[in-house]
Amino acid sequence: MDINVFNDAPFILYVIFALGSLMFTDIAVIVISVQCSVIIITLLIAILEKLPKKK
């Protein structure tokens, strides 16, 4: 088993960076997902209002 440190270094740095910036990315993901769900809900409401109402 030969472990090449130079090949693993970028991945380790990426993991450290991801763990360090986890809070900010979590907040961004939550905000984006909330915005997307609001857009989807408004589109559904608009489509339902356009449909002819059954009597």
PDB file of N, CA and C in Angstrom:
ATOM      1  N   MET A   1       0.857  -1.195   0.000  1.00  0.00           N
ATOM      2  CA  MET A   1       0.000   0.000   0.000  1.00  0.00           C
ATOM      3  C   MET A   1       0.891   1.243   0.000  1.00  0.00           C
ATOM      4  N   ASP A   2       0.811   1.980  -1.067  1.00  0.00           N
ATOM      5  CA  ASP A   2       1.590   3.216  -1.171  1.00  0.00           C
ATOM      6  C   ASP A   2       0.612   4.386  -1.200  1.00  0.00           C
ATOM      7  N   ILE A   3       0.693   5.215  -0.194  1.00  0.00           N
ATOM      8  CA  ILE A   3      -0.213   6.360  -0.104  1.00  0.00           C
ATOM      9  C   ILE A   3       0.510   7.582  -0.652  1.00  0.00           C
ATOM     10  N   ASN A   4      -0.043   8.154  -1.697  1.00  0.00           N
ATOM     11  CA  ASN A   4       0.552   9.344  -2.295  1.00  0.00           C
ATOM     12  C   ASN A   4      -0.085  10.568  -1.643  1.00  0.00           C
ATOM     13  N   VAL A   5       0.703  11.277  -0.852  1.00  0.00           N
ATOM     14  CA  VAL A   5       0.161  12.414  -0.108  1.00  0.00           C
ATOM     15  C   VAL A   5      -0.226  13.538  -1.060  1.00  0.00           C
ATOM     16  N   PHE A   6       0.534  13.686  -2.150  1.00  0.00           N
ATOM     17  CA  PHE A   6       0.268  14.810  -3.051  1.00  0.00           C
ATOM     18  C   PHE A   6      -1.055  14.633  -3.788  1.00  0.00           C
ATOM     19  N   ASN A   7      -1.447  13.397  -4.056  1.00  0.00           N
ATOM     20  CA  ASN A   7      -2.733  13.175  -4.713  1.00  0.00           C
ATOM     21  C   ASN A   7      -3.887  13.386  -3.740  1.00  0.00           C
ATOM     22  N   ASP A   8      -3.675  13.080  -2.465  1.00  0.00           N
ATOM     23  CA  ASP A   8      -4.749  13.190  -1.475  1.00  0.00           C
ATOM     24  C   ASP A   8      -4.870  14.596  -0.900  1.00  0.00           C
ATOM     25  N   ALA A   9      -3.849  15.432  -1.079  1.00  0.00           N
ATOM     26  CA  ALA A   9      -3.858  16.753  -0.454  1.00  0.00           C
ATOM     27  C   ALA A   9      -5.032  17.617  -0.919  1.00  0.00           C
ATOM     28  N   PRO A  10      -5.315  17.719  -2.216  1.00  0.00           N
ATOM     29  CA  PRO A  10      -6.440  18.582  -2.613  1.00  0.00           C
ATOM     30  C   PRO A  10      -7.760  18.127  -2.003  1.00  0.00           C
ATOM     31  N   PHE A  11      -7.974  16.819  -1.930  1.00  0.00           N
ATOM     32  CA  PHE A  11      -9.219  16.314  -1.347  1.00  0.00           C
ATOM     33  C   PHE A  11      -9.311  16.677   0.131  1.00  0.00           C
ATOM     34  N   ILE A  12      -8.186  16.522   0.850  1.00  0.00           N
ATOM     35  CA  ILE A  12      -8.185  16.855   2.281  1.00  0.00           C
ATOM     36  C   ILE A  12      -8.449  18.347   2.464  1.00  0.00           C
ATOM     37  N   LEU A  13      -7.807  19.172   1.632  1.00  0.00           N
ATOM     38  CA  LEU A  13      -8.037  20.611   1.727  1.00  0.00           C
ATOM     39  C   LEU A  13      -9.497  20.940   1.421  1.00  0.00           C
ATOM     40  N   TYR A  14     -10.071  20.248   0.437  1.00  0.00           N
ATOM     41  CA  TYR A  14     -11.474  20.485   0.092  1.00  0.00           C
ATOM     42  C   TYR A  14     -12.382  20.112   1.256  1.00  0.00           C
ATOM     43  N   VAL A  15     -12.076  18.986   1.922  1.00  0.00           N
ATOM     44  CA  VAL A  15     -12.891  18.561   3.066  1.00  0.00           C
ATOM     45  C   VAL A  15     -12.802  19.592   4.183  1.00  0.00           C
ATOM     46  N   ILE A  16     -11.578  20.080   4.452  1.00  0.00           N
ATOM     47  CA  ILE A  16     -11.405  21.075   5.517  1.00  0.00           C
ATOM     48  C   ILE A  16     -12.171  22.350   5.162  1.00  0.00           C
ATOM     49  N   PHE A  17     -12.063  22.782   3.899  1.00  0.00           N
ATOM     50  CA  PHE A  17     -12.762  23.998   3.476  1.00  0.00           C
ATOM     51  C   PHE A  17     -14.271  23.815   3.570  1.00  0.00           C
ATOM     52  N   ALA A  18     -14.752  22.638   3.143  1.00  0.00           N
ATOM     53  CA  ALA A  18     -16.190  22.379   3.185  1.00  0.00           C
ATOM     54  C   ALA A  18     -16.689  22.386   4.628  1.00  0.00           C
ATOM     55  N   LEU A  19     -15.924  21.777   5.535  1.00  0.00           N
ATOM     56  CA  LEU A  19     -16.341  21.758   6.937  1.00  0.00           C
ATOM     57  C   LEU A  19     -16.315  23.165   7.510  1.00  0.00           C
ATOM     58  N   GLY A  20     -15.322  23.967   7.104  1.00  0.00           N
ATOM     59  CA  GLY A  20     -15.212  25.321   7.630  1.00  0.00           C
ATOM     60  C   GLY A  20     -16.342  26.214   7.168  1.00  0.00           C
ATOM     61  N   SER A  21     -16.760  26.056   5.912  1.00  0.00           N
ATOM     62  CA  SER A  21     -17.791  26.931   5.358  1.00  0.00           C
ATOM     63  C   SER A  21     -19.153  26.258   5.359  1.00  0.00           C
ATOM     64  N   LEU A  22     -19.322  25.251   6.207  1.00  0.00           N
ATOM     65  CA  LEU A  22     -20.569  24.485   6.195  1.00  0.00           C
ATOM     66  C   LEU A  22     -21.746  25.356   6.613  1.00  0.00           C
ATOM     67  N   MET A  23     -21.526  26.218   7.614  1.00  0.00           N
ATOM     68  CA  MET A  23     -22.630  27.037   8.106  1.00  0.00           C
ATOM     69  C   MET A  23     -23.170  27.940   7.007  1.00  0.00           C
ATOM     70  N   PHE A  24     -22.256  28.614   6.284  1.00  0.00           N
ATOM     71  CA  PHE A  24     -22.698  29.547   5.249  1.00  0.00           C
ATOM     72  C   PHE A  24     -23.410  28.802   4.121  1.00  0.00           C
ATOM     73  N   THR A  25     -22.874  27.652   3.720  1.00  0.00           N
ATOM     74  CA  THR A  25     -23.505  26.912   2.626  1.00  0.00           C
ATOM     75  C   THR A  25     -24.861  26.376   3.067  1.00  0.00           C
ATOM     76  N   ASP A  26     -24.966  25.970   4.335  1.00  0.00           N
ATOM     77  CA  ASP A  26     -26.264  25.486   4.825  1.00  0.00           C
ATOM     78  C   ASP A  26     -27.311  26.592   4.731  1.00  0.00           C
ATOM     79  N   ILE A  27     -26.931  27.799   5.163  1.00  0.00           N
ATOM     80  CA  ILE A  27     -27.880  28.917   5.113  1.00  0.00           C
ATOM     81  C   ILE A  27     -28.270  29.204   3.668  1.00  0.00           C
ATOM     82  N   ALA A  28     -27.280  29.192   2.759  1.00  0.00           N
ATOM     83  CA  ALA A  28     -27.564  29.474   1.350  1.00  0.00           C
ATOM     84  C   ALA A  28     -28.486  28.410   0.767  1.00  0.00           C
ATOM     85  N   VAL A  29     -28.216  27.149   1.085  1.00  0.00           N
ATOM     86  CA  VAL A  29     -29.055  26.062   0.555  1.00  0.00           C
ATOM     87  C   VAL A  29     -30.477  26.192   1.075  1.00  0.00           C
ATOM     88  N   ILE A  30     -30.626  26.532   2.356  1.00  0.00           N
ATOM     89  CA  ILE A  30     -31.971  26.677   2.927  1.00  0.00           C
ATOM     90  C   ILE A  30     -32.705  27.822   2.236  1.00  0.00           C
ATOM     91  N   VAL A  31     -32.021  28.953   2.044  1.00  0.00           N
ATOM     92  CA  VAL A  31     -32.663  30.111   1.410  1.00  0.00           C
ATOM     93  C   VAL A  31     -33.075  29.770  -0.012  1.00  0.00           C
ATOM     94  N   ILE A  32     -32.166  29.120  -0.765  1.00  0.00           N
ATOM     95  CA  ILE A  32     -32.469  28.791  -2.164  1.00  0.00           C
ATOM     96  C   ILE A  32     -33.633  27.811  -2.238  1.00  0.00           C
ATOM     97  N   SER A  33     -33.638  26.811  -1.362  1.00  0.00           N
ATOM     98  CA  SER A  33     -34.718  25.820  -1.416  1.00  0.00           C
ATOM     99  C   SER A  33     -36.054  26.457  -1.036  1.00  0.00           C
ATOM    100  N   VAL A  34     -36.042  27.367  -0.068  1.00  0.00           N
ATOM    101  CA  VAL A  34     -37.289  28.044   0.303  1.00  0.00           C
ATOM    102  C   VAL A  34     -37.793  28.877  -0.867  1.00  0.00           C
ATOM    103  N   GLN A  35     -36.878  29.608  -1.521  1.00  0.00           N
ATOM    104  CA  GLN A  35     -37.291  30.423  -2.667  1.00  0.00           C
ATOM    105  C   GLN A  35     -37.855  29.549  -3.777  1.00  0.00           C
ATOM    106  N   CYS A  36     -37.195  28.413  -4.038  1.00  0.00           N
ATOM    107  CA  CYS A  36     -37.674  27.520  -5.097  1.00  0.00           C
ATOM    108  C   CYS A  36     -39.057  26.976  -4.754  1.00  0.00           C
ATOM    109  N   SER A  37     -39.270  26.585  -3.503  1.00  0.00           N
ATOM    110  CA  SER A  37     -40.578  26.043  -3.136  1.00  0.00           C
ATOM    111  C   SER A  37     -41.655  27.120  -3.236  1.00  0.00           C
ATOM    112  N   VAL A  38     -41.316  28.359  -2.887  1.00  0.00           N
ATOM    113  CA  VAL A  38     -42.294  29.444  -3.016  1.00  0.00           C
ATOM    114  C   VAL A  38     -42.644  29.664  -4.478  1.00  0.00           C
ATOM    115  N   ILE A  39     -41.628  29.632  -5.352  1.00  0.00           N
ATOM    116  CA  ILE A  39     -41.886  29.813  -6.787  1.00  0.00           C
ATOM    117  C   ILE A  39     -42.772  28.689  -7.306  1.00  0.00           C
ATOM    118  N   ILE A  40     -42.477  27.450  -6.903  1.00  0.00           N
ATOM    119  CA  ILE A  40     -43.277  26.311  -7.369  1.00  0.00           C
ATOM    120  C   ILE A  40     -44.717  26.441  -6.889  1.00  0.00           C
ATOM    121  N   ILE A  41     -44.905  26.835  -5.630  1.00  0.00           N
ATOM    122  CA  ILE A  41     -46.264  26.966  -5.088  1.00  0.00           C
ATOM    123  C   ILE A  41     -47.031  28.053  -5.832  1.00  0.00           C
ATOM    124  N   THR A  42     -46.378  29.196  -6.089  1.00  0.00           N
ATOM    125  CA  THR A  42     -47.072  30.274  -6.795  1.00  0.00           C
ATOM    126  C   THR A  42     -47.414  29.864  -8.218  1.00  0.00           C
ATOM    127  N   LEU A  43     -46.515  29.120  -8.875  1.00  0.00           N
ATOM    128  CA  LEU A  43     -46.815  28.632 -10.227  1.00  0.00           C
ATOM    129  C   LEU A  43     -48.007  27.684 -10.198  1.00  0.00           C
ATOM    130  N   LEU A  44     -48.044  26.776  -9.216  1.00  0.00           N
ATOM    131  CA  LEU A  44     -49.172  25.849  -9.119  1.00  0.00           C
ATOM    132  C   LEU A  44     -50.479  26.595  -8.893  1.00  0.00           C
ATOM    133  N   ILE A  45     -50.451  27.599  -8.017  1.00  0.00           N
ATOM    134  CA  ILE A  45     -51.669  28.369  -7.756  1.00  0.00           C
ATOM    135  C   ILE A  45     -52.113  29.087  -9.022  1.00  0.00           C
ATOM    136  N   ALA A  46     -51.160  29.676  -9.760  1.00  0.00           N
ATOM    137  CA  ALA A  46     -51.511  30.383 -10.991  1.00  0.00           C
ATOM    138  C   ALA A  46     -52.108  29.424 -12.012  1.00  0.00           C
ATOM    139  N   ILE A  47     -51.517  28.234 -12.145  1.00  0.00           N
ATOM    140  CA  ILE A  47     -52.041  27.249 -13.101  1.00  0.00           C
ATOM    141  C   ILE A  47     -53.439  26.804 -12.681  1.00  0.00           C
ATOM    142  N   LEU A  48     -53.636  26.559 -11.382  1.00  0.00           N
ATOM    143  CA  LEU A  48     -54.952  26.119 -10.914  1.00  0.00           C
ATOM    144  C   LEU A  48     -56.002  27.198 -11.124  1.00  0.00           C
ATOM    145  N   GLU A  49     -55.619  28.472 -10.967  1.00  0.00           N
ATOM    146  CA  GLU A  49     -56.584  29.547 -11.183  1.00  0.00           C
ATOM    147  C   GLU A  49     -56.945  29.675 -12.657  1.00  0.00           C
ATOM    148  N   LYS A  50     -56.014  29.355 -13.544  1.00  0.00           N
ATOM    149  CA  LYS A  50     -56.289  29.470 -14.980  1.00  0.00           C
ATOM    150  C   LYS A  50     -57.200  28.350 -15.470  1.00  0.00           C
ATOM    151  N   LEU A  51     -57.205  27.214 -14.765  1.00  0.00           N
ATOM    152  CA  LEU A  51     -58.024  26.085 -15.212  1.00  0.00           C
ATOM    153  C   LEU A  51     -59.507  26.440 -15.120  1.00  0.00           C
ATOM    154  N   PRO A  52     -60.306  25.955 -16.070  1.00  0.00           N
ATOM    155  CA  PRO A  52     -61.755  26.216 -15.994  1.00  0.00           C
ATOM    156  C   PRO A  52     -62.360  25.494 -14.790  1.00  0.00           C
ATOM    157  N   LYS A  53     -63.198  26.224 -14.065  1.00  0.00           N
ATOM    158  CA  LYS A  53     -63.787  25.632 -12.858  1.00  0.00           C
ATOM    159  C   LYS A  53     -64.938  24.708 -13.235  1.00  0.00           C
ATOM    160  N   LYS A  54     -64.984  23.559 -12.572  1.00  0.00           N
ATOM    161  CA  LYS A  54     -66.067  22.605 -12.829  1.00  0.00           C
ATOM    162  C   LYS A  54     -67.299  23.014 -12.030  1.00  0.00           C
ATOM    163  N   LYS A  55     -68.461  22.882 -12.680  1.00  0.00           N
ATOM    164  CA  LYS A  55     -69.698  23.263 -11.993  1.00  0.00           C
ATOM    165  C   LYS A  55     -70.381  22.039 -11.420  1.00  0.00           C
TER     166      LYS A  55
END
